[in-house]
């Protein structure tokens, strides 16, 4: 496929095999759900756990129990507010990614920024970076959906295109791509929990990606495959089965 930058990244050593293993683990977990009943409540629990993990990565000090009972601190409340409407944006991110990104930021930052700042890139450079990412999402690619999701996450997190809440938006966008591209249509994997479990590697590899070199992107993708495997293990389906 002509000019497919994500496919070029997949060709790097260890990337294809790492993501194939991660996808196999996710598929096994999702197939196993046939042995147990799932419900909208299971999806809601996955989203709540993801919101909590994402909030902690953003600096929240609230426990999962506090988030469940009272909403937690301000960062946790922002993350939960975003997660509540996230899945409704799956059709939007497939057709108009810029609109989806703007809505995600408006949801996350609605309690702290002025209306004029919600969903708006903070500069012309940030706007151009968002457009490039949107174009990439709309372009055909032979790259696996997991790779697309990982790239979207890292690009949003490191470009920081909005005035605030960029980490929350980046991690929500990653989950949304997994839903929209059919990897996890019921959003039962908790990728945010995978990143929290591997926090030191998560933050280190984002710094490497920010440098803009192929080596940084390569390391990020190898890390992301591990994080997705951890996110599958953090699914409520796994936790329910262990109880």
Protein backbone atom coordinates (compact mmCIF):
# COMPACT_ATOMS: atom_id res chain seq x y z
CA UNK A 1 0.00 0.00 0.00
CA UNK A 2 1.47 3.32 -1.09
CA UNK A 3 2.58 5.76 1.64
CA UNK A 4 1.42 3.74 4.64
CA UNK A 5 3.57 5.00 7.55
CA UNK A 6 1.97 2.71 10.11
CA UNK A 7 2.66 -0.35 7.97
CA UNK A 8 6.32 0.67 7.88
CA UNK A 9 6.37 0.71 11.67
CA UNK A 10 4.81 -2.75 11.79
CA UNK A 11 7.74 -4.03 9.74
CA UNK A 12 10.17 -3.14 12.53
CA UNK A 13 11.64 -6.02 14.51
CA UNK A 14 9.29 -7.58 17.04
CA UNK A 15 6.33 -5.31 16.36
CA UNK A 16 4.17 -7.65 14.26
CA UNK A 17 4.74 -10.63 16.52
CA UNK A 18 4.19 -8.59 19.69
CA UNK A 19 0.87 -7.23 18.50
CA UNK A 20 -0.23 -10.61 17.13
CA UNK A 21 0.32 -12.10 20.58
CA UNK A 22 -1.54 -9.22 22.23
CA UNK A 23 -4.48 -9.60 19.84
CA UNK A 24 -4.57 -13.35 20.46
CA UNK A 25 -4.77 -12.71 24.20
CA UNK A 26 -7.58 -10.21 23.75
CA UNK A 27 -9.48 -12.52 21.42
CA UNK A 28 -9.17 -15.44 23.84
CA UNK A 29 -10.48 -13.28 26.68
CA UNK A 30 -13.39 -12.06 24.57
CA UNK A 31 -14.23 -15.56 23.32
CA UNK A 32 -14.26 -16.80 26.88
CA UNK A 33 -17.04 -14.33 27.62
CA UNK A 34 -19.31 -16.80 25.84
CA UNK A 35 -18.98 -19.00 28.91
CA UNK A 36 -20.23 -16.18 31.12
CA UNK A 37 -23.01 -13.67 30.70
CA UNK A 38 -21.97 -10.13 29.88
CA UNK A 39 -24.08 -7.04 30.16
CA UNK A 40 -23.96 -3.26 29.80
CA UNK A 41 -22.93 -3.25 33.46
CA UNK A 42 -19.76 -5.15 32.55
CA UNK A 43 -18.90 -2.52 29.95
CA UNK A 44 -19.68 0.23 32.46
CA UNK A 45 -17.34 -1.40 34.98
CA UNK A 46 -14.57 -1.59 32.37
CA UNK A 47 -15.05 2.09 31.54
CA UNK A 48 -15.02 3.04 35.22
CA UNK A 49 -11.83 1.09 35.87
CA UNK A 50 -10.27 2.70 32.82
CA UNK A 51 -11.31 6.18 33.90
CA UNK A 52 -9.80 5.62 37.33
CA UNK A 53 -6.51 4.33 35.93
CA UNK A 54 -6.30 7.19 33.44
CA UNK A 55 -7.00 9.70 36.20
CA UNK A 56 -4.23 8.26 38.36
CA UNK A 57 -1.81 8.57 35.44
CA UNK A 58 -2.93 12.19 35.16
CA UNK A 59 -2.22 12.87 38.84
CA UNK A 60 -5.39 11.84 40.68
CA UNK A 61 -5.04 10.56 44.22
CA UNK A 62 -8.47 8.91 44.37
CA UNK A 63 -8.87 5.19 44.86
CA UNK A 64 -11.17 3.11 42.68
CA UNK A 65 -13.54 2.78 45.63
CA UNK A 66 -13.68 6.54 46.08
CA UNK A 67 -14.37 7.05 42.39
CA UNK A 68 -17.11 4.44 42.50
CA UNK A 69 -18.76 5.88 45.61
CA UNK A 70 -18.39 9.65 45.28
CA UNK A 71 -16.68 10.41 41.97
CA UNK A 72 -13.29 11.03 43.53
CA UNK A 73 -11.23 14.18 43.10
CA UNK A 74 -11.54 16.65 40.24
CA UNK A 75 -9.26 14.77 37.85
CA UNK A 76 -11.15 11.54 38.48
CA UNK A 77 -14.46 13.28 37.87
CA UNK A 78 -13.12 14.64 34.58
CA UNK A 79 -12.06 11.15 33.51
CA UNK A 80 -15.41 9.61 34.46
CA UNK A 81 -17.33 12.34 32.64
CA UNK A 82 -15.33 11.56 29.50
CA UNK A 83 -15.80 7.82 29.84
CA UNK A 84 -19.56 8.15 30.25
CA UNK A 85 -20.04 9.43 26.69
CA UNK A 86 -17.01 7.84 25.06
CA UNK A 87 -18.63 4.91 23.28
CA UNK A 88 -21.18 7.15 21.58
CA UNK A 89 -18.24 8.65 19.69
CA UNK A 90 -17.22 5.38 18.00
CA UNK A 91 -19.09 6.20 14.74
CA UNK A 92 -17.75 9.75 14.86
CA UNK A 93 -14.08 8.80 15.12
CA UNK A 94 -14.47 6.62 12.01
CA UNK A 95 -15.94 9.44 9.92
CA UNK A 96 -14.74 12.74 11.41
CA UNK A 97 -11.86 12.16 13.83
CA UNK A 98 -11.32 15.87 14.46
CA UNK A 99 -14.87 16.17 15.74
CA UNK A 100 -14.34 13.18 18.03
CA UNK A 101 -11.12 14.63 19.45
CA UNK A 102 -12.80 17.98 20.07
CA UNK A 103 -15.75 16.37 21.83
CA UNK A 104 -13.48 14.25 24.01
CA UNK A 105 -11.59 17.32 25.13
CA UNK A 106 -14.80 19.25 25.78
CA UNK A 107 -16.04 16.42 27.98
CA UNK A 108 -12.80 16.07 29.92
CA UNK A 109 -12.13 19.78 30.40
CA UNK A 110 -15.72 20.96 30.77
CA UNK A 111 -15.30 21.63 34.45
CA UNK A 112 -12.13 23.70 34.29
CA UNK A 113 -11.72 25.63 31.02
CA UNK A 114 -13.70 28.44 29.43
CA UNK A 115 -16.17 27.49 26.69
CA UNK A 116 -13.91 29.13 24.11
CA UNK A 117 -11.08 26.71 24.95
CA UNK A 118 -13.08 23.50 24.91
CA UNK A 119 -12.22 21.27 21.97
CA UNK A 120 -10.01 23.91 20.38
CA UNK A 121 -6.33 23.34 19.58
CA UNK A 122 -4.04 25.63 21.55
CA UNK A 123 -2.07 26.85 18.51
CA UNK A 124 -1.86 26.70 14.73
CA UNK A 125 0.88 24.09 15.07
CA UNK A 126 -1.31 21.97 17.33
CA UNK A 127 -4.19 22.29 14.88
CA UNK A 128 -1.98 21.08 12.03
CA UNK A 129 -0.78 18.13 14.11
CA UNK A 130 -4.38 17.13 14.84
CA UNK A 131 -5.28 17.35 11.16
CA UNK A 132 -2.36 15.08 10.25
CA UNK A 133 -3.49 12.53 12.81
CA UNK A 134 -7.07 12.72 11.54
CA UNK A 135 -5.85 12.20 7.97
CA UNK A 136 -3.87 9.17 9.10
CA UNK A 137 -6.96 7.69 10.72
CA UNK A 138 -8.99 8.17 7.56
CA UNK A 139 -6.32 6.75 5.23
CA UNK A 140 -6.25 3.05 4.29
CA UNK A 141 -3.63 1.06 6.19
CA UNK A 142 -2.56 -2.54 6.44
CA UNK A 143 -1.47 -1.99 10.04
CA UNK A 144 -3.39 -3.89 12.74
CA UNK A 145 -5.99 -1.89 14.65
CA UNK A 146 -3.97 -2.29 17.85
CA UNK A 147 -1.06 -0.48 16.20
CA UNK A 148 -3.37 2.31 15.03
CA UNK A 149 -4.74 2.72 18.56
CA UNK A 150 -1.28 2.78 20.10
CA UNK A 151 -0.07 5.38 17.61
CA UNK A 152 -3.11 7.61 18.16
CA UNK A 153 -2.54 7.46 21.91
CA UNK A 154 1.13 8.39 21.71
CA UNK A 155 0.63 11.11 19.12
CA UNK A 156 -2.10 12.86 21.11
CA UNK A 157 -0.25 12.49 24.41
CA UNK A 158 3.03 13.88 23.11
CA UNK A 159 1.63 16.58 20.82
CA UNK A 160 -0.57 17.87 23.69
CA UNK A 161 -2.77 19.77 21.22
CA UNK A 162 -5.26 21.10 23.78
CA UNK A 163 -4.85 23.54 26.65
CA UNK A 164 -5.29 20.75 29.23
CA UNK A 165 -6.36 17.13 29.80
CA UNK A 166 -4.30 15.80 26.89
CA UNK A 167 -3.42 12.57 28.69
CA UNK A 168 -7.04 11.79 29.46
CA UNK A 169 -8.00 12.48 25.85
CA UNK A 170 -5.13 10.37 24.47
CA UNK A 171 -6.00 7.32 26.54
CA UNK A 172 -9.71 7.67 25.81
CA UNK A 173 -8.95 7.95 22.09
CA UNK A 174 -6.94 4.74 22.25
CA UNK A 175 -9.88 2.88 23.80
CA UNK A 176 -12.23 4.43 21.26
CA UNK A 177 -10.13 3.22 18.32
CA UNK A 178 -10.17 -0.31 19.73
CA UNK A 179 -13.97 -0.14 19.79
CA UNK A 180 -14.41 1.57 16.42
CA UNK A 181 -12.05 -0.81 14.60
CA UNK A 182 -13.68 -3.94 15.95
CA UNK A 183 -11.00 -5.17 18.32
CA UNK A 184 -13.20 -4.78 21.39
CA UNK A 185 -16.66 -3.63 20.38
CA UNK A 186 -18.08 -3.88 23.91
CA UNK A 187 -15.05 -2.13 25.42
CA UNK A 188 -14.22 -4.86 27.91
CA UNK A 189 -10.43 -4.51 27.77
CA UNK A 190 -8.99 -1.90 30.15
CA UNK A 191 -5.92 -0.51 28.32
CA UNK A 192 -5.60 2.34 30.81
CA UNK A 193 -5.07 -0.18 33.60
CA UNK A 194 -2.37 -1.82 31.50
CA UNK A 195 -0.54 1.49 31.24
CA UNK A 196 -0.91 2.13 34.97
CA UNK A 197 0.45 -1.33 35.81
CA UNK A 198 3.49 -0.55 33.62
CA UNK A 199 3.66 3.12 34.56
CA UNK A 200 7.44 3.58 34.53
CA UNK A 201 7.75 2.01 31.09
CA UNK A 202 4.67 3.91 29.90
CA UNK A 203 6.08 7.29 30.80
CA UNK A 204 9.57 6.44 29.57
CA UNK A 205 8.36 5.25 26.18
CA UNK A 206 6.14 8.29 25.71
CA UNK A 207 9.22 10.45 26.25
CA UNK A 208 11.01 8.43 23.59
CA UNK A 209 8.10 8.81 21.17
CA UNK A 210 8.07 12.57 21.76
CA UNK A 211 11.58 12.85 20.30
CA UNK A 212 10.13 12.02 16.89
CA UNK A 213 12.68 9.38 15.90
CA UNK A 214 11.89 5.94 14.54
CA UNK A 215 13.64 4.30 17.49
CA UNK A 216 11.24 6.00 19.89
CA UNK A 217 8.18 4.92 17.92
CA UNK A 218 9.58 1.39 17.70
CA UNK A 219 10.09 1.17 21.46
CA UNK A 220 6.64 2.62 22.11
CA UNK A 221 4.96 -0.01 19.95
CA UNK A 222 6.86 -2.86 21.59
CA UNK A 223 5.78 -1.48 24.96
CA UNK A 224 2.17 -0.98 23.85
CA UNK A 225 1.81 -4.65 22.90
CA UNK A 226 2.72 -5.54 26.49
CA UNK A 227 0.33 -2.93 27.86
CA UNK A 228 -2.57 -4.32 25.83
CA UNK A 229 -1.90 -7.78 27.22
CA UNK A 230 -2.01 -6.29 30.72
CA UNK A 231 -5.20 -4.42 29.81
CA UNK A 232 -6.87 -7.67 28.80
CA UNK A 233 -5.92 -9.20 32.14
CA UNK A 234 -7.50 -6.18 33.89
CA UNK A 235 -10.87 -6.74 32.19
CA UNK A 236 -13.85 -7.22 34.51
CA UNK A 237 -14.36 -10.52 32.71
CA UNK A 238 -11.04 -11.79 34.00
CA UNK A 239 -11.68 -10.45 37.46
CA UNK A 240 -15.15 -11.99 37.59
CA UNK A 241 -13.78 -15.35 36.50
CA UNK A 242 -11.19 -15.26 39.28
CA UNK A 243 -13.79 -14.61 41.97
